[in-house]
C-alpha atoms as a PDB file:
ATOM      1  CA  MET A   1     109.173  75.842 109.738  1.00  0.00           C
ATOM      2  CA  LYS A   2     105.868  75.461 108.001  1.00  0.00           C
ATOM      3  CA  ILE A   3     106.091  74.184 104.417  1.00  0.00           C
ATOM      4  CA  ARG A   4     103.703  72.613 101.940  1.00  0.00           C
ATOM      5  CA  GLN A   5     103.797  69.102 100.549  1.00  0.00           C
ATOM      6  CA  ASN A   6     101.778  67.855  97.636  1.00  0.00           C
ATOM      7  CA  VAL A   7     102.100  65.680  94.552  1.00  0.00           C
ATOM      8  CA  ARG A   8     104.405  68.219  92.841  1.00  0.00           C
ATOM      9  CA  HIS A   9     106.929  67.894  95.668  1.00  0.00           C
ATOM     10  CA  TRP A  10     106.877  64.095  95.484  1.00  0.00           C
ATOM     11  CA  ALA A  11     107.165  64.199  91.692  1.00  0.00           C
ATOM     12  CA  SER A  12     110.079  66.637  91.943  1.00  0.00           C
ATOM     13  CA  LYS A  13     111.867  64.366  94.414  1.00  0.00           C
ATOM     14  CA  LYS A  14     111.434  61.406  92.094  1.00  0.00           C
ATOM     15  CA  ALA A  15     112.525  63.404  89.036  1.00  0.00           C
ATOM     16  CA  LEU A  16     115.625  64.842  90.744  1.00  0.00           C
ATOM     17  CA  GLU A  17     116.799  61.291  91.440  1.00  0.00           C
ATOM     18  CA  LEU A  18     116.632  60.302  87.740  1.00  0.00           C
ATOM     19  CA  PRO A  19     119.250  60.859  85.050  1.00  0.00           C
ATOM     20  CA  VAL A  20     118.513  63.379  82.263  1.00  0.00           C
ATOM     21  CA  VAL A  21     115.166  64.650  83.562  1.00  0.00           C
ATOM     22  CA  SER A  22     116.838  65.785  86.792  1.00  0.00           C
ATOM     23  CA  ASP A  23     118.631  68.634  85.005  1.00  0.00           C
ATOM     24  CA  VAL A  24     115.389  69.944  83.517  1.00  0.00           C
ATOM     25  CA  VAL A  25     113.523  69.743  86.818  1.00  0.00           C
ATOM     26  CA  SER A  26     116.404  71.267  88.761  1.00  0.00           C
ATOM     27  CA  ASP A  27     116.562  74.236  86.381  1.00  0.00           C
ATOM     28  CA  LYS A  28     112.820  74.770  86.662  1.00  0.00           C
ATOM     29  CA  LEU A  29     112.876  74.524  90.460  1.00  0.00           C
ATOM     30  CA  VAL A  30     115.710  77.054  90.607  1.00  0.00           C
ATOM     31  CA  ASP A  31     113.725  79.428  88.393  1.00  0.00           C
ATOM     32  CA  LEU A  32     110.614  78.971  90.532  1.00  0.00           C
ATOM     33  CA  HIS A  33     112.421  79.594  93.822  1.00  0.00           C
ATOM     34  CA  THR A  34     114.289  82.600  92.481  1.00  0.00           C
ATOM     35  CA  GLY A  35     111.018  84.006  91.138  1.00  0.00           C
ATOM     36  CA  ILE A  36     109.200  83.532  94.435  1.00  0.00           C
ATOM     37  CA  PHE A  37     111.896  85.127  96.569  1.00  0.00           C
ATOM     38  CA  ILE A  38     112.727  87.897  94.091  1.00  0.00           C
ATOM     39  CA  GLY A  39     109.031  88.754  94.288  1.00  0.00           C
ATOM     40  CA  ARG A  40     109.387  89.227  98.043  1.00  0.00           C
ATOM     41  CA  ALA A  41     112.413  91.518  97.714  1.00  0.00           C
ATOM     42  CA  ASP A  42     112.164  95.263  97.607  1.00  0.00           C
ATOM     43  CA  GLU A  43     111.620  96.154  93.970  1.00  0.00           C
ATOM     44  CA  ALA A  44     114.750  98.322  93.846  1.00  0.00           C
ATOM     45  CA  HIS A  45     116.916  95.309  94.749  1.00  0.00           C
ATOM     46  CA  ARG A  46     115.342  92.480  92.778  1.00  0.00           C
ATOM     47  CA  GLU A  47     117.508  92.242  89.685  1.00  0.00           C
ATOM     48  CA  GLU A  48     120.788  92.734  91.549  1.00  0.00           C
ATOM     49  CA  ARG A  49     119.961  89.596  93.586  1.00  0.00           C
ATOM     50  CA  ARG A  50     118.878  87.343  90.710  1.00  0.00           C
ATOM     51  CA  ASP A  51     122.246  85.790  89.739  1.00  0.00           C
ATOM     52  CA  HIS A  52     123.146  85.130  93.366  1.00  0.00           C
ATOM     53  CA  LEU A  53     119.793  83.485  94.068  1.00  0.00           C
ATOM     54  CA  ASP A  54     119.950  81.354  90.911  1.00  0.00           C
ATOM     55  CA  ALA A  55     123.363  79.981  91.902  1.00  0.00           C
ATOM     56  CA  PHE A  56     122.373  79.634  95.553  1.00  0.00           C
ATOM     57  CA  PHE A  57     119.209  77.663  94.812  1.00  0.00           C
ATOM     58  CA  ASP A  58     121.076  75.514  92.291  1.00  0.00           C
ATOM     59  CA  ALA A  59     123.502  74.558  95.080  1.00  0.00           C
ATOM     60  CA  THR A  60     120.626  73.705  97.425  1.00  0.00           C
ATOM     61  CA  MET A  61     119.430  71.076  94.920  1.00  0.00           C
ATOM     62  CA  ASP A  62     122.635  69.199  95.770  1.00  0.00           C
ATOM     63  CA  THR A  63     121.964  69.669  99.492  1.00  0.00           C
ATOM     64  CA  TYR A  64     118.447  68.281  99.026  1.00  0.00           C
ATOM     65  CA  LEU A  65     119.661  65.154  97.244  1.00  0.00           C
ATOM     66  CA  VAL A  66     122.424  64.491  99.786  1.00  0.00           C
ATOM     67  CA  ALA A  67     119.950  64.905 102.661  1.00  0.00           C
ATOM     68  CA  LEU A  68     117.666  62.347 100.998  1.00  0.00           C
ATOM     69  CA  GLN A  69     120.585  59.974 100.421  1.00  0.00           C
ATOM     70  CA  GLU A  70     121.480  60.286 104.098  1.00  0.00           C
ATOM     71  CA  GLY A  71     117.972  59.214 105.078  1.00  0.00           C
ATOM     72  CA  ALA A  72     116.086  62.454 105.636  1.00  0.00           C
ATOM     73  CA  PRO A  73     112.372  62.328 104.817  1.00  0.00           C
ATOM     74  CA  GLU A  74     111.357  64.504 101.855  1.00  0.00           C
ATOM     75  CA  ALA A  75     109.890  67.294 103.988  1.00  0.00           C
ATOM     76  CA  GLU A  76     113.013  67.523 106.156  1.00  0.00           C
ATOM     77  CA  ALA A  77     115.380  67.455 103.172  1.00  0.00           C
ATOM     78  CA  ARG A  78     113.433  70.285 101.577  1.00  0.00           C
ATOM     79  CA  GLU A  79     113.204  72.213 104.827  1.00  0.00           C
ATOM     80  CA  ILE A  80     116.998  71.996 105.192  1.00  0.00           C
ATOM     81  CA  THR A  81     117.341  73.873 101.894  1.00  0.00           C
ATOM     82  CA  HIS A  82     114.859  76.519 103.016  1.00  0.00           C
ATOM     83  CA  VAL A  83     116.738  76.970 106.273  1.00  0.00           C
ATOM     84  CA  GLN A  84     119.938  77.460 104.251  1.00  0.00           C
ATOM     85  CA  ALA A  85     118.203  80.128 102.168  1.00  0.00           C
ATOM     86  CA  ASN A  86     116.990  81.934 105.263  1.00  0.00           C
ATOM     87  CA  PHE A  87     120.523  81.946 106.670  1.00  0.00           C
ATOM     88  CA  ASP A  88     121.659  83.558 103.423  1.00  0.00           C
ATOM     89  CA  PHE A  89     118.842  86.099 103.461  1.00  0.00           C
ATOM     90  CA  TYR A  90     119.714  87.011 107.041  1.00  0.00           C
ATOM     91  CA  ASN A  91     123.426  87.333 106.271  1.00  0.00           C
ATOM     92  CA  HIS A  92     122.596  89.765 103.475  1.00  0.00           C
ATOM     93  CA  GLY A  93     120.063  91.716 105.537  1.00  0.00           C
ATOM     94  CA  TRP A  94     117.292  90.609 103.180  1.00  0.00           C
ATOM     95  CA  THR A  95     114.850  90.225 106.042  1.00  0.00           C
ATOM     96  CA  GLU A  96     111.824  90.929 103.855  1.00  0.00           C
ATOM     97  CA  MET A  97     112.499  87.618 102.085  1.00  0.00           C
ATOM     98  CA  MET A  98     112.769  85.460 105.200  1.00  0.00           C
ATOM     99  CA  GLU A  99     110.299  82.640 105.885  1.00  0.00           C
ATOM    100  CA  PHE A 100     110.770  82.668 109.652  1.00  0.00           C
ATOM    101  CA  PRO A 101     111.788  85.473 112.027  1.00  0.00           C
ATOM    102  CA  SER A 102     115.494  86.073 112.529  1.00  0.00           C
ATOM    103  CA  ASP A 103     115.202  85.293 116.241  1.00  0.00           C
ATOM    104  CA  GLU A 104     114.532  81.650 115.270  1.00  0.00           C
ATOM    105  CA  LEU A 105     117.768  81.177 113.296  1.00  0.00           C
ATOM    106  CA  GLU A 106     119.568  79.286 116.063  1.00  0.00           C
ATOM    107  CA  GLU A 107     116.609  76.976 116.709  1.00  0.00           C
ATOM    108  CA  HIS A 108     116.410  76.010 113.054  1.00  0.00           C
ATOM    109  CA  TYR A 109     120.160  75.463 112.932  1.00  0.00           C
ATOM    110  CA  GLU A 110     120.099  73.258 116.027  1.00  0.00           C
ATOM    111  CA  ARG A 111     117.414  70.961 114.621  1.00  0.00           C
ATOM    112  CA  TYR A 112     119.683  70.001 111.720  1.00  0.00           C
ATOM    113  CA  GLU A 113     123.011  70.579 113.477  1.00  0.00           C
ATOM    114  CA  THR A 114     124.310  67.064 112.819  1.00  0.00           C
ATOM    115  CA  PHE A 115     123.676  67.336 109.078  1.00  0.00           C
ATOM    116  CA  PHE A 116     124.940  70.915 108.947  1.00  0.00           C
ATOM    117  CA  GLU A 117     128.164  70.110 110.816  1.00  0.00           C
ATOM    118  CA  ARG A 118     128.824  67.099 108.594  1.00  0.00           C
ATOM    119  CA  HIS A 119     128.673  69.359 105.536  1.00  0.00           C
ATOM    120  CA  GLY A 120     130.287  72.524 106.891  1.00  0.00           C
ATOM    121  CA  ILE A 121     127.048  74.513 106.955  1.00  0.00           C
ATOM    122  CA  THR A 122     126.691  77.305 109.497  1.00  0.00           C
ATOM    123  CA  ILE A 123     124.481  80.358 109.761  1.00  0.00           C
ATOM    124  CA  ALA A 124     127.431  82.420 108.503  1.00  0.00           C
ATOM    125  CA  ASP A 125     128.247  79.880 105.739  1.00  0.00           C
ATOM    126  CA  PRO A 126     124.844  78.604 104.622  1.00  0.00           C
ATOM    127  CA  LEU A 127     126.044  76.438 101.732  1.00  0.00           C
ATOM    128  CA  GLY A 128     129.103  74.918 103.400  1.00  0.00           C
ATOM    129  CA  GLU A 129     130.651  72.304 101.117  1.00  0.00           C
ATOM    130  CA  PHE A 130     127.865  72.802  98.590  1.00  0.00           C
ATOM    131  CA  GLU A 131     128.958  76.370  97.767  1.00  0.00           C
ATOM    132  CA  PRO A 132     130.097  76.722  94.165  1.00  0.00           C
ATOM    133  CA  ALA A 133     133.438  78.424  93.562  1.00  0.00           C
ATOM    134  CA  ASP A 134     131.743  81.033  91.392  1.00  0.00           C
ATOM    135  CA  LEU A 135     128.798  82.009  93.609  1.00  0.00           C
ATOM    136  CA  PRO A 136     127.892  85.538  92.450  1.00  0.00           C
ATOM    137  CA  GLU A 137     127.912  88.257  95.069  1.00  0.00           C
ATOM    138  CA  ALA A 138     124.890  90.467  95.651  1.00  0.00           C
ATOM    139  CA  PRO A 139     124.640  93.748  97.564  1.00  0.00           C
ATOM    140  CA  SER A 140     123.581  93.484 101.176  1.00  0.00           C
ATOM    141  CA  THR A 141     121.182  95.677 103.130  1.00  0.00           C
ATOM    142  CA  PRO A 142     122.664  95.248 106.633  1.00  0.00           C
ATOM    143  CA  GLU A 143     120.739  98.232 107.977  1.00  0.00           C
ATOM    144  CA  LYS A 144     117.608  96.046 107.908  1.00  0.00           C
ATOM    145  CA  LEU A 145     119.077  93.865 110.634  1.00  0.00           C
ATOM    146  CA  ASP A 146     118.801  96.740 113.134  1.00  0.00           C
ATOM    147  CA  ASP A 147     115.009  96.602 113.037  1.00  0.00           C
ATOM    148  CA  PRO A 148     114.105  93.580 110.899  1.00  0.00           C
ATOM    149  CA  GLU A 149     110.758  93.351 109.189  1.00  0.00           C
ATOM    150  CA  HIS A 150     109.594  89.895 108.165  1.00  0.00           C
ATOM    151  CA  PRO A 151     106.364  90.328 106.205  1.00  0.00           C
ATOM    152  CA  HIS A 152     106.550  86.776 104.815  1.00  0.00           C
ATOM    153  CA  ALA A 153     107.839  85.031 107.942  1.00  0.00           C
ATOM    154  CA  VAL A 154     105.752  82.594 109.934  1.00  0.00           C
ATOM    155  CA  GLY A 155     107.082  82.168 113.451  1.00  0.00           C
ATOM    156  CA  GLY A 156     106.433  79.538 116.062  1.00  0.00           C
ATOM    157  CA  PHE A 157     107.328  76.509 113.948  1.00  0.00           C
ATOM    158  CA  ALA A 158     111.010  76.165 114.884  1.00  0.00           C
ATOM    159  CA  ASP A 159     110.736  72.947 116.909  1.00  0.00           C
ATOM    160  CA  ASP A 160     109.887  70.627 113.994  1.00  0.00           C
ATOM    161  CA  VAL A 161     108.946  70.520 110.336  1.00  0.00           C
ATOM    162  CA  TYR A 162     105.266  71.333 109.923  1.00  0.00           C
ATOM    163  CA  VAL A 163     103.721  70.326 106.638  1.00  0.00           C
ATOM    164  CA  GLU A 164     100.532  71.648 105.154  1.00  0.00           C
ATOM    165  CA  GLY A 165      99.051  68.977 102.930  1.00  0.00           C
ATOM    166  CA  GLY A 166      96.842  69.377  99.902  1.00  0.00           C
ATOM    167  CA  ASP A 167      93.835  69.112 102.212  1.00  0.00           C
ATOM    168  CA  GLY A 168      94.982  72.186 104.190  1.00  0.00           C
ATOM    169  CA  GLU A 169      95.725  70.129 107.310  1.00  0.00           C
ATOM    170  CA  ILE A 170      99.028  70.776 109.089  1.00  0.00           C
ATOM    171  CA  ARG A 171     100.963  67.699 110.167  1.00  0.00           C
ATOM    172  CA  VAL A 172     104.279  67.301 111.920  1.00  0.00           C
ATOM    173  CA  GLY A 173     106.857  65.618 109.713  1.00  0.00           C
ATOM    174  CA  GLY A 174     105.020  65.374 106.432  1.00  0.00           C
ATOM    175  CA  GLY A 175     103.299  62.559 104.633  1.00  0.00           C
ATOM    176  CA  GLU A 176     104.292  59.270 103.085  1.00  0.00           C
ATOM    177  CA  GLU A 177     105.367  59.198  99.467  1.00  0.00           C
ATOM    178  CA  PRO A 178     102.501  58.007  97.260  1.00  0.00           C
ATOM    179  CA  ASP A 179     103.148  54.786  95.330  1.00  0.00           C
ATOM    180  CA  ASP A 180     101.731  56.125  92.098  1.00  0.00           C
ATOM    181  CA  VAL A 181     103.420  59.535  91.826  1.00  0.00           C
ATOM    182  CA  SER A 182     104.475  60.396  88.292  1.00  0.00           C
ATOM    183  CA  VAL A 183     107.449  62.562  87.337  1.00  0.00           C
ATOM    184  CA  ASP A 184     105.081  64.210  84.845  1.00  0.00           C
ATOM    185  CA  HIS A 185     103.854  66.347  87.753  1.00  0.00           C
ATOM    186  CA  ALA A 186     107.315  67.752  88.427  1.00  0.00           C
ATOM    187  CA  PRO A 187     107.922  71.351  87.324  1.00  0.00           C
ATOM    188  CA  GLY A 188     109.589  71.469  83.921  1.00  0.00           C
ATOM    189  CA  VAL A 189     108.617  67.954  82.840  1.00  0.00           C
ATOM    190  CA  ASP A 190     105.210  68.927  81.502  1.00  0.00           C
ATOM    191  CA  ASP A 191     104.869  72.634  80.738  1.00  0.00           C
ATOM    192  CA  ASP A 192     101.139  72.427  81.421  1.00  0.00           C
ATOM    193  CA  VAL A 193     101.798  71.537  85.069  1.00  0.00           C
ATOM    194  CA  GLU A 194     102.332  74.549  87.315  1.00  0.00           C
ATOM    195  CA  ALA A 195     104.359  74.469  90.507  1.00  0.00           C
END
């Protein structure tokens, strides 16, 4: 998968590992992700998906932190959460929201199979042990799976994590965490900083 990595991602990582500020940053990141993906959904289905996406992305914050604790680099830990989201989008037939084509689902699963198996995550059960008991349901559009359209998907990046840096260069695996990153750059910490 191709993702971005910049100072906001490093600041978010640092903030999510701290007491108190982590709740604020997590809430803001959930809002940002829900907003981005709701914006990709068909307008007629946006609001009916909001509660599900909020709860889903909140659960992926836990996945992200556990992946980091288990030694995953930042880019991989974040990509794991995006792969989970794409499994969920596929399961619901929300193909217009997917970041990679549905024919790459298995390849993305296989790259993180060890982590996924350890935590009960499958394509059919994208949150595994991280799923909250009260995850809101949202209507599916299974008819879209018959002839999926992926207007926001970027294919061909299923063999590794590809990271676009602030300089626009694409690197395999992502960069090294800067020594001087400040949590002030994390979404929600300073309202003047945009994600």
